């Protein structure tokens, strides 16, 4: 199964549109969103093309292909307009005998991980900075941000298939590749 993993759309219709173009071009099976879908929060400037209602209209038709965890900017009122579940604080996926603990990153993150074992992956967004770091008990992976990248990083996502992790920009160019076997 091929996953396109993205985080921190923050209501940007223009960047959500580019993300969905990549979702279709990559022929991904599922879109896994790591939170902060509709709103930008008080610490971020409005992203380019800010239009949460348009983001809703783009994502709802894909409701059967979307998995999502709750970001710190996502609320119950967002769930009222989005037709796929967004309020889980985390999701656990099996990956080659280990787990992927997927969460937004504001509760559990790189500096405050949940209980993980060697070979497990902590997958989160929130920082808006793409990352791959191996620790003693887990590997930390972050796709960065679709709409508001920080620290001079790219607008992007991760493509995951057969335990190969590809960080890509919204033009589809591979920025980094990791093979976790």
Protein backbone atom coordinates (compact mmCIF):
# COMPACT_ATOMS: atom_id res chain seq x y z
CA UNK A 1 0.00 0.00 0.00
CA UNK A 2 1.25 3.48 -0.88
CA UNK A 3 0.64 6.29 1.62
CA UNK A 4 1.00 9.99 0.98
CA UNK A 5 1.68 11.57 4.39
CA UNK A 6 1.21 15.29 4.93
CA UNK A 7 0.74 17.76 7.75
CA UNK A 8 -0.19 21.32 8.50
CA UNK A 9 -2.36 22.44 5.58
CA UNK A 10 -3.66 25.24 7.82
CA UNK A 11 -6.59 26.16 5.58
CA UNK A 12 -4.53 26.92 2.46
CA UNK A 13 -6.67 26.04 -0.53
CA UNK A 14 -3.84 26.71 -2.97
CA UNK A 15 -1.40 24.36 -1.22
CA UNK A 16 -4.11 21.77 -0.56
CA UNK A 17 -4.85 21.79 -4.29
CA UNK A 18 -1.16 21.18 -5.06
CA UNK A 19 -1.07 18.39 -2.47
CA UNK A 20 -4.07 16.67 -4.02
CA UNK A 21 -2.52 16.98 -7.48
CA UNK A 22 0.51 15.13 -6.07
CA UNK A 23 -1.77 12.54 -4.39
CA UNK A 24 -3.28 11.75 -7.79
CA UNK A 25 0.04 11.88 -9.68
CA UNK A 26 1.70 9.56 -7.12
CA UNK A 27 -1.23 7.15 -7.44
CA UNK A 28 -1.27 6.80 -3.64
CA UNK A 29 -3.81 4.50 -2.00
CA UNK A 30 -4.33 6.59 1.12
CA UNK A 31 -3.80 10.15 2.28
CA UNK A 32 -2.61 10.31 5.89
CA UNK A 33 -2.99 13.79 7.39
CA UNK A 34 -1.10 14.59 10.59
CA UNK A 35 -3.38 17.41 11.71
CA UNK A 36 -3.88 21.18 11.49
CA UNK A 37 -6.15 20.96 8.48
CA UNK A 38 -8.35 24.06 8.41
CA UNK A 39 -6.99 26.79 10.66
CA UNK A 40 -3.69 28.58 11.03
CA UNK A 41 -3.63 29.16 14.79
CA UNK A 42 -2.50 32.31 16.62
CA UNK A 43 1.26 31.79 16.07
CA UNK A 44 1.19 31.51 12.28
CA UNK A 45 0.50 34.11 9.63
CA UNK A 46 -2.31 33.34 7.19
CA UNK A 47 -0.94 30.96 4.56
CA UNK A 48 -1.17 31.75 0.87
CA UNK A 49 -4.64 31.00 -0.50
CA UNK A 50 -6.23 30.77 2.96
CA UNK A 51 -9.75 29.44 2.39
CA UNK A 52 -10.84 26.72 4.84
CA UNK A 53 -14.23 26.26 3.14
CA UNK A 54 -12.50 25.43 -0.13
CA UNK A 55 -10.17 22.99 1.67
CA UNK A 56 -13.28 21.28 3.08
CA UNK A 57 -14.77 20.96 -0.42
CA UNK A 58 -11.51 19.46 -1.75
CA UNK A 59 -10.99 16.93 1.06
CA UNK A 60 -14.54 15.66 1.70
CA UNK A 61 -14.85 13.88 -1.68
CA UNK A 62 -11.74 11.85 -0.68
CA UNK A 63 -13.18 10.86 2.71
CA UNK A 64 -12.83 7.13 2.04
CA UNK A 65 -9.10 7.51 1.32
CA UNK A 66 -8.16 9.80 4.22
CA UNK A 67 -6.78 8.87 7.63
CA UNK A 68 -6.20 11.73 10.02
CA UNK A 69 -5.02 12.58 13.52
CA UNK A 70 -5.93 15.71 15.43
CA UNK A 71 -3.65 18.72 15.39
CA UNK A 72 -3.50 21.44 18.01
CA UNK A 73 -5.51 23.74 15.67
CA UNK A 74 -8.23 21.13 14.95
CA UNK A 75 -11.48 21.26 16.94
CA UNK A 76 -14.86 19.59 17.29
CA UNK A 77 -16.39 22.26 15.07
CA UNK A 78 -13.99 21.18 12.28
CA UNK A 79 -15.31 17.64 12.66
CA UNK A 80 -18.80 18.96 12.01
CA UNK A 81 -17.82 20.00 8.46
CA UNK A 82 -15.26 17.33 7.57
CA UNK A 83 -16.73 13.96 6.58
CA UNK A 84 -13.80 11.83 7.79
CA UNK A 85 -12.62 11.34 11.39
CA UNK A 86 -10.10 13.98 12.53
CA UNK A 87 -10.26 13.91 16.34
CA UNK A 88 -8.04 10.94 17.27
CA UNK A 89 -4.91 12.08 19.08
CA UNK A 90 -2.89 9.27 17.51
CA UNK A 91 -3.02 6.27 15.20
CA UNK A 92 -0.91 3.14 15.29
CA UNK A 93 0.10 1.36 12.10
CA UNK A 94 2.04 -1.89 11.80
CA UNK A 95 5.20 -1.65 9.73
CA UNK A 96 7.50 -4.65 9.16
CA UNK A 97 7.03 -5.99 12.69
CA UNK A 98 7.27 -2.58 14.34
CA UNK A 99 4.81 0.21 14.90
CA UNK A 100 4.39 3.65 13.43
CA UNK A 101 3.00 5.90 16.15
CA UNK A 102 1.40 8.72 14.16
CA UNK A 103 0.38 11.87 15.97
CA UNK A 104 0.43 15.60 15.34
CA UNK A 105 3.34 16.29 17.68
CA UNK A 106 1.97 18.78 20.19
CA UNK A 107 1.42 16.12 22.88
CA UNK A 108 3.97 13.46 21.94
CA UNK A 109 6.88 14.52 19.78
CA UNK A 110 10.59 14.16 19.22
CA UNK A 111 11.50 15.59 22.65
CA UNK A 112 8.60 13.88 24.47
CA UNK A 113 8.04 10.50 22.74
CA UNK A 114 5.56 7.86 23.84
CA UNK A 115 6.89 4.48 24.96
CA UNK A 116 8.47 3.01 21.85
CA UNK A 117 10.82 0.11 21.09
CA UNK A 118 13.87 -0.10 18.86
CA UNK A 119 12.67 -0.13 15.26
CA UNK A 120 9.45 1.78 16.02
CA UNK A 121 8.71 5.07 14.28
CA UNK A 122 7.34 8.28 15.75
CA UNK A 123 5.64 10.11 12.89
CA UNK A 124 4.41 13.64 13.44
CA UNK A 125 4.05 17.11 11.96
CA UNK A 126 3.52 20.23 14.11
CA UNK A 127 7.04 21.67 13.82
CA UNK A 128 6.67 22.42 10.09
CA UNK A 129 10.23 21.11 9.62
CA UNK A 130 10.97 17.88 7.70
CA UNK A 131 13.01 15.45 9.78
CA UNK A 132 14.53 12.00 9.97
CA UNK A 133 16.44 11.23 13.17
CA UNK A 134 17.38 7.88 14.62
CA UNK A 135 17.33 7.56 18.40
CA UNK A 136 18.17 4.59 20.58
CA UNK A 137 14.55 3.43 20.92
CA UNK A 138 12.83 4.90 17.87
CA UNK A 139 13.15 6.76 14.60
CA UNK A 140 11.60 10.23 14.39
CA UNK A 141 10.05 11.19 11.05
CA UNK A 142 8.33 14.45 10.09
CA UNK A 143 7.02 15.41 6.62
CA UNK A 144 7.25 19.14 7.33
CA UNK A 145 4.37 21.41 6.32
CA UNK A 146 2.25 21.59 3.21
CA UNK A 147 1.53 25.32 3.56
CA UNK A 148 3.79 27.01 6.13
CA UNK A 149 7.25 25.38 6.07
CA UNK A 150 9.75 26.67 8.60
CA UNK A 151 13.55 27.00 8.79
CA UNK A 152 13.86 27.38 5.01
CA UNK A 153 12.37 23.95 4.35
CA UNK A 154 10.19 23.04 1.37
CA UNK A 155 6.40 22.82 1.03
CA UNK A 156 6.07 19.07 0.98
CA UNK A 157 4.98 15.60 1.98
CA UNK A 158 6.25 12.05 2.41
CA UNK A 159 5.49 9.12 0.16
CA UNK A 160 5.71 5.75 1.95
CA UNK A 161 5.73 2.45 0.09
CA UNK A 162 7.48 -0.84 0.92
CA UNK A 163 9.26 0.81 3.88
CA UNK A 164 10.88 3.39 1.59
CA UNK A 165 10.28 6.94 2.83
CA UNK A 166 10.52 9.70 0.24
CA UNK A 167 10.35 13.37 1.26
CA UNK A 168 9.07 15.32 -1.73
CA UNK A 169 8.29 18.92 -2.53
CA UNK A 170 4.94 19.89 -4.05
CA UNK A 171 6.45 19.67 -7.54
CA UNK A 172 7.12 15.97 -6.91
CA UNK A 173 10.90 16.34 -6.64
CA UNK A 174 12.49 13.92 -4.15
CA UNK A 175 14.30 15.85 -1.43
CA UNK A 176 15.35 12.88 0.74
CA UNK A 177 15.08 9.08 0.67
CA UNK A 178 15.33 6.62 3.57
CA UNK A 179 14.96 2.84 3.43
CA UNK A 180 14.04 1.41 6.84
CA UNK A 181 14.64 -2.32 6.70
